[in-house]
N, C-alpha and C. Protein backbone atom coordinates (compact mmCIF):
# COMPACT_ATOMS: atom_id res chain seq x y z
N MET A 1 104.23 85.37 100.79
CA MET A 1 103.98 85.91 102.40
C MET A 1 102.64 85.15 102.58
N THR A 2 102.39 84.63 103.82
CA THR A 2 101.28 84.22 104.38
C THR A 2 100.94 84.99 105.53
N ILE A 3 99.30 85.19 105.39
CA ILE A 3 99.08 85.94 106.67
C ILE A 3 98.15 85.01 107.72
N ALA A 4 98.11 85.40 108.81
CA ALA A 4 97.45 84.41 109.75
C ALA A 4 96.88 85.32 110.84
N ILE A 5 95.66 84.71 111.28
CA ILE A 5 95.07 85.64 112.35
C ILE A 5 95.99 85.41 113.45
N GLY A 6 96.12 86.64 114.11
CA GLY A 6 96.81 86.84 115.36
C GLY A 6 98.26 87.48 114.99
N GLN A 7 98.45 87.43 113.83
CA GLN A 7 99.76 88.30 113.31
C GLN A 7 99.46 89.55 112.55
N PRO A 8 100.48 90.44 112.64
CA PRO A 8 100.15 91.85 112.16
C PRO A 8 99.82 91.65 110.79
N ALA A 9 98.87 92.63 110.40
CA ALA A 9 98.21 92.48 108.76
C ALA A 9 99.30 93.25 108.24
N PRO A 10 99.63 92.54 106.86
CA PRO A 10 100.52 93.06 105.90
C PRO A 10 100.14 94.64 105.70
N ASP A 11 101.39 95.69 106.00
CA ASP A 11 101.14 97.20 105.57
C ASP A 11 101.01 97.16 104.17
N PHE A 12 100.73 98.25 103.66
CA PHE A 12 100.74 98.62 102.26
C PHE A 12 100.37 99.99 102.04
N THR A 13 100.61 100.51 100.71
CA THR A 13 100.11 101.64 100.37
C THR A 13 99.71 101.83 99.14
N LEU A 14 98.43 102.34 98.81
CA LEU A 14 97.66 102.34 97.58
C LEU A 14 97.11 103.70 97.19
N PRO A 15 97.12 104.01 95.85
CA PRO A 15 96.11 105.28 95.49
C PRO A 15 94.61 104.85 95.84
N ALA A 16 94.15 105.88 96.46
CA ALA A 16 92.76 106.05 96.82
C ALA A 16 91.81 106.83 96.00
N SER A 17 90.38 106.64 96.45
CA SER A 17 89.55 107.30 95.59
C SER A 17 89.44 108.98 96.17
N ASN A 18 90.20 109.23 97.21
CA ASN A 18 90.14 110.66 97.63
C ASN A 18 91.24 111.50 96.89
N GLY A 19 92.06 110.79 95.88
CA GLY A 19 93.32 111.30 95.25
C GLY A 19 94.61 111.16 96.18
N LYS A 20 94.50 110.55 97.16
CA LYS A 20 95.71 110.42 98.07
C LYS A 20 96.31 109.12 98.10
N MET A 21 97.54 108.98 98.50
CA MET A 21 98.05 107.56 98.69
C MET A 21 97.64 107.29 100.13
N VAL A 22 97.09 106.02 100.24
CA VAL A 22 96.52 105.53 101.50
C VAL A 22 97.29 104.30 102.25
N SER A 23 97.64 104.36 103.34
CA SER A 23 98.35 103.15 103.93
C SER A 23 97.64 102.46 104.92
N LEU A 24 97.64 101.16 105.18
CA LEU A 24 96.83 100.45 105.97
C LEU A 24 97.19 100.99 107.48
N SER A 25 98.49 101.17 107.60
CA SER A 25 99.04 102.05 109.13
C SER A 25 98.44 103.23 109.32
N ASP A 26 97.98 103.92 108.22
CA ASP A 26 97.29 105.28 108.79
C ASP A 26 96.16 105.15 109.65
N PHE A 27 95.64 104.01 109.78
CA PHE A 27 94.30 103.62 110.38
C PHE A 27 94.57 103.04 111.77
N ARG A 28 95.66 102.75 112.19
CA ARG A 28 96.17 102.42 113.44
C ARG A 28 95.24 103.05 114.54
N GLY A 29 94.64 102.30 115.58
CA GLY A 29 93.88 102.95 116.66
C GLY A 29 92.48 102.76 116.03
N GLN A 30 92.06 102.24 114.95
CA GLN A 30 90.84 102.03 114.53
C GLN A 30 90.64 100.89 114.08
N TYR A 31 89.55 99.92 114.05
CA TYR A 31 89.31 98.84 113.45
C TYR A 31 89.24 99.00 112.07
N VAL A 32 89.67 97.92 111.19
CA VAL A 32 89.81 98.06 109.68
C VAL A 32 88.97 97.11 109.18
N VAL A 33 87.97 97.27 108.36
CA VAL A 33 87.30 96.18 107.51
C VAL A 33 87.71 96.42 106.11
N LEU A 34 88.71 95.60 105.89
CA LEU A 34 89.43 95.49 104.67
C LEU A 34 88.67 94.58 103.53
N TYR A 35 87.93 94.88 102.47
CA TYR A 35 87.41 93.99 101.87
C TYR A 35 88.00 94.24 100.39
N PHE A 36 88.14 92.91 99.86
CA PHE A 36 88.58 92.93 98.51
C PHE A 36 87.44 92.43 97.41
N TYR A 37 87.29 92.93 96.60
CA TYR A 37 86.14 92.51 95.55
C TYR A 37 86.68 92.69 94.07
N PRO A 38 86.17 91.92 93.05
CA PRO A 38 86.59 91.83 91.87
C PRO A 38 86.43 93.04 91.08
N LYS A 39 85.31 93.82 90.94
CA LYS A 39 85.26 94.69 89.94
C LYS A 39 84.28 95.59 90.18
N ASP A 40 84.38 97.19 90.04
CA ASP A 40 83.50 98.23 90.52
C ASP A 40 82.23 97.88 89.19
N MET A 41 81.00 98.09 89.64
CA MET A 41 79.98 98.39 88.74
C MET A 41 79.40 96.98 88.28
N THR A 42 79.83 95.94 88.97
CA THR A 42 79.16 94.50 88.62
C THR A 42 78.24 94.15 89.58
N PRO A 43 77.31 93.30 89.39
CA PRO A 43 76.08 93.11 90.26
C PRO A 43 76.60 92.88 91.80
N GLY A 44 77.44 91.72 91.99
CA GLY A 44 77.56 91.28 93.24
C GLY A 44 78.56 92.41 93.97
N CYS A 45 79.35 93.32 93.17
CA CYS A 45 80.14 94.13 94.06
C CYS A 45 79.49 95.20 94.32
N THR A 46 78.41 95.77 93.52
CA THR A 46 77.56 96.87 93.83
C THR A 46 76.76 96.50 94.99
N THR A 47 76.14 95.00 95.30
CA THR A 47 75.45 94.96 96.36
C THR A 47 76.24 94.91 97.47
N GLU A 48 77.54 94.30 97.41
CA GLU A 48 78.34 94.22 98.66
C GLU A 48 78.64 95.87 99.06
N ALA A 49 78.98 96.75 98.05
CA ALA A 49 79.42 97.94 98.29
C ALA A 49 78.44 98.73 99.25
N CYS A 50 77.04 98.64 98.17
CA CYS A 50 75.91 99.35 98.92
C CYS A 50 75.64 98.70 100.44
N ASP A 51 75.86 97.24 100.49
CA ASP A 51 75.48 96.88 101.89
C ASP A 51 76.28 97.69 102.96
N PHE A 52 77.53 97.70 102.57
CA PHE A 52 78.76 98.46 103.48
C PHE A 52 78.26 99.84 103.51
N ARG A 53 77.69 100.62 102.57
CA ARG A 53 77.42 101.90 102.45
C ARG A 53 76.01 102.10 103.66
N ASP A 54 75.26 101.02 103.52
CA ASP A 54 74.05 101.13 104.27
C ASP A 54 74.33 101.09 105.88
N ARG A 55 75.56 100.18 106.26
CA ARG A 55 76.08 99.95 107.45
C ARG A 55 77.01 100.89 108.08
N HIS A 56 77.21 101.83 107.08
CA HIS A 56 78.74 102.62 107.36
C HIS A 56 78.65 103.30 108.86
N GLU A 57 77.47 103.99 109.10
CA GLU A 57 77.55 104.63 110.31
C GLU A 57 77.52 103.76 111.37
N GLN A 58 77.00 102.47 111.29
CA GLN A 58 77.40 101.54 112.36
C GLN A 58 78.78 101.14 112.60
N PHE A 59 79.52 100.94 111.52
CA PHE A 59 80.93 100.83 111.52
C PHE A 59 81.56 101.88 112.22
N ALA A 60 81.15 103.02 111.81
CA ALA A 60 81.87 104.31 112.36
C ALA A 60 81.66 104.44 113.82
N GLY A 61 80.44 104.10 114.31
CA GLY A 61 80.19 104.14 115.74
C GLY A 61 80.96 103.09 116.61
N LEU A 62 81.31 102.17 115.76
CA LEU A 62 82.43 101.22 116.52
C LEU A 62 83.66 101.56 116.31
N ASN A 63 84.06 102.63 115.84
CA ASN A 63 85.45 103.02 115.67
C ASN A 63 86.21 102.24 114.41
N ALA A 64 85.15 101.74 113.53
CA ALA A 64 85.77 101.09 112.19
C ALA A 64 85.58 102.09 111.08
N VAL A 65 86.88 101.47 110.24
CA VAL A 65 86.72 102.16 109.13
C VAL A 65 86.72 101.23 107.79
N ILE A 66 86.09 101.27 106.80
CA ILE A 66 85.75 100.28 105.82
C ILE A 66 86.93 100.94 104.72
N LEU A 67 87.48 99.99 104.16
CA LEU A 67 88.30 100.14 102.93
C LEU A 67 88.14 99.06 101.76
N GLY A 68 87.77 99.48 100.52
CA GLY A 68 87.50 98.44 99.68
C GLY A 68 88.50 98.42 98.59
N VAL A 69 88.97 97.42 98.18
CA VAL A 69 90.24 97.26 97.12
C VAL A 69 89.81 96.21 96.10
N SER A 70 89.93 96.97 94.87
CA SER A 70 90.00 96.13 93.71
C SER A 70 91.00 96.43 92.54
N PRO A 71 91.43 95.53 91.59
CA PRO A 71 92.19 96.05 90.56
C PRO A 71 91.80 97.31 89.79
N ASP A 72 90.67 97.72 89.77
CA ASP A 72 90.26 99.10 89.04
C ASP A 72 90.98 100.01 89.27
N PRO A 73 90.96 101.04 88.04
CA PRO A 73 91.79 102.30 88.43
C PRO A 73 90.92 103.17 89.34
N VAL A 74 91.53 104.11 89.90
CA VAL A 74 91.19 105.36 90.77
C VAL A 74 89.85 105.91 89.75
N ALA A 75 90.04 106.35 88.68
CA ALA A 75 88.88 106.95 87.92
C ALA A 75 87.65 106.02 87.88
N ARG A 76 87.92 104.80 87.80
CA ARG A 76 86.52 104.08 87.96
C ARG A 76 86.18 103.80 89.28
N HIS A 77 86.71 103.99 90.25
CA HIS A 77 86.37 104.04 91.63
C HIS A 77 85.55 105.32 91.85
N GLU A 78 85.98 106.31 91.53
CA GLU A 78 85.42 107.72 91.50
C GLU A 78 84.11 107.66 91.01
N THR A 79 83.96 107.10 89.96
CA THR A 79 82.66 106.70 89.16
C THR A 79 81.83 105.73 90.08
N PHE A 80 81.99 104.84 90.61
CA PHE A 80 81.55 104.01 91.36
C PHE A 80 80.79 104.63 92.66
N ILE A 81 81.82 105.35 93.48
CA ILE A 81 81.60 106.08 94.31
C ILE A 81 80.39 106.94 94.27
N GLU A 82 80.55 107.99 93.32
CA GLU A 82 79.64 108.97 92.84
C GLU A 82 78.20 108.46 92.51
N LYS A 83 78.08 107.25 91.88
CA LYS A 83 76.89 106.53 91.58
C LYS A 83 76.17 106.20 92.68
N TYR A 84 76.94 105.43 93.46
CA TYR A 84 76.30 104.70 94.47
C TYR A 84 76.38 105.59 95.84
N LYS A 85 76.87 106.66 96.06
CA LYS A 85 76.90 107.35 97.20
C LYS A 85 77.62 106.79 98.22
N LEU A 86 78.90 106.28 97.90
CA LEU A 86 79.65 105.32 99.04
C LEU A 86 80.35 106.17 99.91
N PRO A 87 80.22 106.14 100.94
CA PRO A 87 80.93 107.09 102.01
C PRO A 87 82.30 106.43 102.56
N PHE A 88 82.88 105.59 102.05
CA PHE A 88 84.11 105.14 102.36
C PHE A 88 85.31 105.01 101.04
N LEU A 89 86.40 105.04 101.45
CA LEU A 89 87.57 104.78 100.27
C LEU A 89 87.61 103.47 99.71
N LEU A 90 87.79 103.70 98.41
CA LEU A 90 88.24 102.37 97.50
C LEU A 90 89.52 102.65 97.16
N LEU A 91 90.57 101.61 97.42
CA LEU A 91 91.96 101.60 97.10
C LEU A 91 91.93 100.80 95.75
N SER A 92 93.04 101.31 94.74
CA SER A 92 93.30 100.68 93.59
C SER A 92 94.52 99.95 93.59
N ASP A 93 94.33 98.81 93.31
CA ASP A 93 95.30 97.54 93.45
C ASP A 93 95.36 97.24 92.07
N GLU A 94 95.80 98.01 90.94
CA GLU A 94 96.08 97.60 89.69
C GLU A 94 96.96 96.41 89.39
N ARG A 95 97.96 96.56 90.01
CA ARG A 95 98.98 95.52 89.75
C ARG A 95 98.63 94.31 90.82
N HIS A 96 97.74 94.23 91.44
CA HIS A 96 97.17 93.20 92.44
C HIS A 96 98.51 92.64 93.34
N GLU A 97 99.52 93.61 93.65
CA GLU A 97 100.40 93.32 94.51
C GLU A 97 99.69 93.04 96.11
N VAL A 98 98.91 93.97 96.59
CA VAL A 98 98.27 93.87 98.01
C VAL A 98 97.39 92.48 97.63
N ALA A 99 96.49 92.30 96.95
CA ALA A 99 95.76 91.13 96.57
C ALA A 99 96.60 89.83 96.92
N GLU A 100 97.66 89.87 96.22
CA GLU A 100 98.60 88.63 96.40
C GLU A 100 99.23 88.50 97.79
N MET A 101 99.41 89.75 98.62
CA MET A 101 100.06 89.76 99.66
C MET A 101 99.03 89.16 100.54
N TYR A 102 97.53 89.22 100.47
CA TYR A 102 96.59 88.80 101.28
C TYR A 102 96.08 87.35 100.85
N GLY A 103 96.68 86.97 99.66
CA GLY A 103 96.34 85.56 99.22
C GLY A 103 94.94 85.58 98.68
N VAL A 104 94.54 86.70 98.03
CA VAL A 104 93.18 86.71 97.24
C VAL A 104 93.15 86.58 95.88
N TRP A 105 94.40 86.89 95.27
CA TRP A 105 94.70 86.86 93.88
C TRP A 105 94.63 85.52 93.51
N LYS A 106 93.72 85.09 92.87
CA LYS A 106 93.32 83.37 92.46
C LYS A 106 92.81 83.12 90.98
N LYS A 107 93.32 81.93 90.61
CA LYS A 107 92.56 81.51 89.39
C LYS A 107 91.42 81.31 89.42
N LYS A 108 90.63 81.73 88.63
CA LYS A 108 89.12 81.39 88.63
C LYS A 108 88.53 81.07 87.58
N LYS A 109 87.52 80.74 87.38
CA LYS A 109 86.73 80.04 86.19
C LYS A 109 85.31 80.71 85.95
N ASN A 110 85.14 81.17 84.48
CA ASN A 110 83.71 81.53 84.35
C ASN A 110 83.47 81.24 82.86
N PHE A 111 82.41 80.60 82.60
CA PHE A 111 82.18 80.19 81.20
C PHE A 111 83.16 79.39 80.82
N GLY A 112 83.66 78.47 81.30
CA GLY A 112 84.67 77.67 80.82
C GLY A 112 86.13 78.32 80.60
N LYS A 113 86.03 79.56 80.91
CA LYS A 113 87.65 80.24 80.83
C LYS A 113 88.34 80.39 81.95
N GLU A 114 89.45 80.39 82.22
CA GLU A 114 90.33 80.51 83.32
C GLU A 114 91.12 81.96 83.16
N TYR A 115 90.88 82.31 84.29
CA TYR A 115 91.56 83.87 84.48
C TYR A 115 92.10 84.13 85.96
N MET A 116 93.04 84.93 86.07
CA MET A 116 93.36 85.31 87.49
C MET A 116 92.47 86.38 87.68
N GLY A 117 92.16 86.53 89.14
CA GLY A 117 91.14 87.72 89.58
C GLY A 117 91.13 87.58 91.10
N ILE A 118 90.35 88.68 91.61
CA ILE A 118 90.15 88.67 93.32
C ILE A 118 89.22 87.58 93.60
N GLU A 119 89.63 86.85 94.71
CA GLU A 119 88.49 86.01 95.30
C GLU A 119 87.85 87.06 96.33
N ARG A 120 86.79 87.37 96.40
CA ARG A 120 86.08 88.06 97.26
C ARG A 120 86.25 87.61 98.68
N SER A 121 86.90 88.74 99.38
CA SER A 121 87.24 88.10 100.81
C SER A 121 87.31 89.61 101.78
N THR A 122 87.08 89.44 103.09
CA THR A 122 87.17 90.34 104.13
C THR A 122 87.95 90.04 105.00
N PHE A 123 88.70 91.27 105.50
CA PHE A 123 89.64 91.05 106.71
C PHE A 123 89.27 91.97 107.69
N ILE A 124 89.39 91.65 108.92
CA ILE A 124 89.09 92.46 110.06
C ILE A 124 90.40 92.78 110.86
N ILE A 125 90.93 94.07 111.00
CA ILE A 125 92.35 94.28 111.45
C ILE A 125 91.97 95.17 112.87
N ALA A 126 92.62 94.75 113.93
CA ALA A 126 92.57 95.39 115.26
C ALA A 126 92.93 96.58 115.43
N LEU A 127 92.76 97.30 116.50
CA LEU A 127 93.43 98.64 116.65
C LEU A 127 95.00 98.78 116.59
N ASP A 128 95.57 97.69 116.93
CA ASP A 128 96.98 97.62 116.86
C ASP A 128 97.65 96.90 115.67
N GLY A 129 96.73 96.74 114.49
CA GLY A 129 97.22 96.36 113.23
C GLY A 129 97.04 94.74 113.15
N THR A 130 96.70 93.88 114.34
CA THR A 130 96.81 92.62 114.19
C THR A 130 95.50 92.30 113.19
N LEU A 131 95.75 91.08 112.59
CA LEU A 131 94.48 90.51 111.88
C LEU A 131 93.90 89.62 112.80
N VAL A 132 92.43 90.05 112.86
CA VAL A 132 91.89 89.29 113.92
C VAL A 132 90.47 88.26 113.47
N GLN A 133 90.37 88.56 112.24
CA GLN A 133 89.24 87.61 111.40
C GLN A 133 89.56 87.72 109.97
N GLU A 134 89.12 86.69 109.32
CA GLU A 134 88.92 86.70 107.80
C GLU A 134 88.06 85.84 107.12
N TRP A 135 87.43 86.33 106.06
CA TRP A 135 86.48 85.65 105.51
C TRP A 135 86.93 85.46 103.96
N ARG A 136 87.03 84.28 103.32
CA ARG A 136 87.59 84.25 101.91
C ARG A 136 86.54 83.59 101.19
N GLY A 137 86.55 83.81 99.98
CA GLY A 137 85.27 83.02 99.17
C GLY A 137 83.85 83.65 99.51
N VAL A 138 83.87 85.00 99.76
CA VAL A 138 82.48 85.60 100.44
C VAL A 138 81.25 85.30 99.50
N LYS A 139 80.29 84.97 100.14
CA LYS A 139 78.98 85.18 99.41
C LYS A 139 78.41 86.23 99.86
N VAL A 140 78.01 87.25 98.92
CA VAL A 140 77.43 88.64 99.39
C VAL A 140 76.48 88.58 100.32
N LYS A 141 75.42 88.08 100.22
CA LYS A 141 74.23 88.32 101.09
C LYS A 141 74.42 87.85 102.57
N GLY A 142 74.07 88.68 103.41
CA GLY A 142 74.42 88.70 104.89
C GLY A 142 75.64 88.89 105.32
N HIS A 143 76.85 88.96 104.46
CA HIS A 143 78.20 89.19 104.79
C HIS A 143 78.57 90.39 105.67
N VAL A 144 78.20 91.58 105.24
CA VAL A 144 78.38 92.80 105.75
C VAL A 144 77.62 92.90 107.28
N ASP A 145 76.48 92.10 107.56
CA ASP A 145 76.10 92.04 109.07
C ASP A 145 76.94 91.13 109.67
N GLU A 146 77.54 90.01 109.20
CA GLU A 146 78.28 89.14 109.82
C GLU A 146 79.63 89.88 110.22
N ALA A 147 80.26 90.90 109.48
CA ALA A 147 81.23 91.48 109.69
C ALA A 147 81.17 92.61 110.68
N LEU A 148 80.02 93.21 110.58
CA LEU A 148 79.55 94.08 111.80
C LEU A 148 79.66 93.67 112.86
N ALA A 149 78.86 92.26 113.01
CA ALA A 149 78.68 91.69 114.28
C ALA A 149 80.10 91.58 114.76
N GLU A 150 81.02 90.93 114.12
CA GLU A 150 82.42 90.83 114.39
C GLU A 150 83.22 92.02 115.08
N VAL A 151 82.84 92.96 114.35
CA VAL A 151 83.50 94.29 114.92
C VAL A 151 82.71 95.00 116.37
N ALA A 152 81.42 94.63 116.17
CA ALA A 152 81.01 94.77 117.44
C ALA A 152 81.24 94.12 118.72
N ARG A 153 81.60 92.81 118.22
CA ARG A 153 82.13 91.92 119.34
C ARG A 153 83.38 92.32 119.82
N LEU A 154 84.07 92.78 118.89
CA LEU A 154 85.67 93.14 119.12
C LEU A 154 85.59 94.37 120.22
N ALA A 155 84.61 95.42 119.66
CA ALA A 155 84.62 96.54 120.33
C ALA A 155 84.06 96.45 121.61
N SER A 156 83.15 95.47 121.96
CA SER A 156 82.51 95.18 123.37
C SER A 156 83.49 94.63 124.55
N SER A 157 84.41 94.13 123.58
CA SER A 157 85.20 93.27 124.54
C SER A 157 86.55 93.90 125.16
N ARG A 158 86.83 95.10 124.67
CA ARG A 158 87.81 95.96 125.10
C ARG A 158 87.62 96.60 126.48
């Protein structure tokens, strides 16, 4: 499956850190900031999550919900949320099916070893479920501000 800006974002259902099964379509009528990250408790992923945490109220004020997705199990997400006081849901994609749907499950290299993992990426989904923006291979520094600016732009053009 290939996703493209202007097309409906692929719907999915995953277990969430609130103990429930959560579907993308549950958030129709809100902007969705769907971000994929490699692993809870790692430096880059912690910085990104805390940046989203620190801007959470601004996103909420624009009718936007933040959803983080990684292959970590729900129990690890719960620990991550508790430790860093994250006010948004983290979804567990242990079989990386959603990551594959969104094209972010990639071959990676680290210290000469190749393995499959998440390519840090963010998708903005409009009120009607249409994909309106994407960033792939995200660098953490400044990224959350860029995503917030995009949601603000979308909200002001309504």
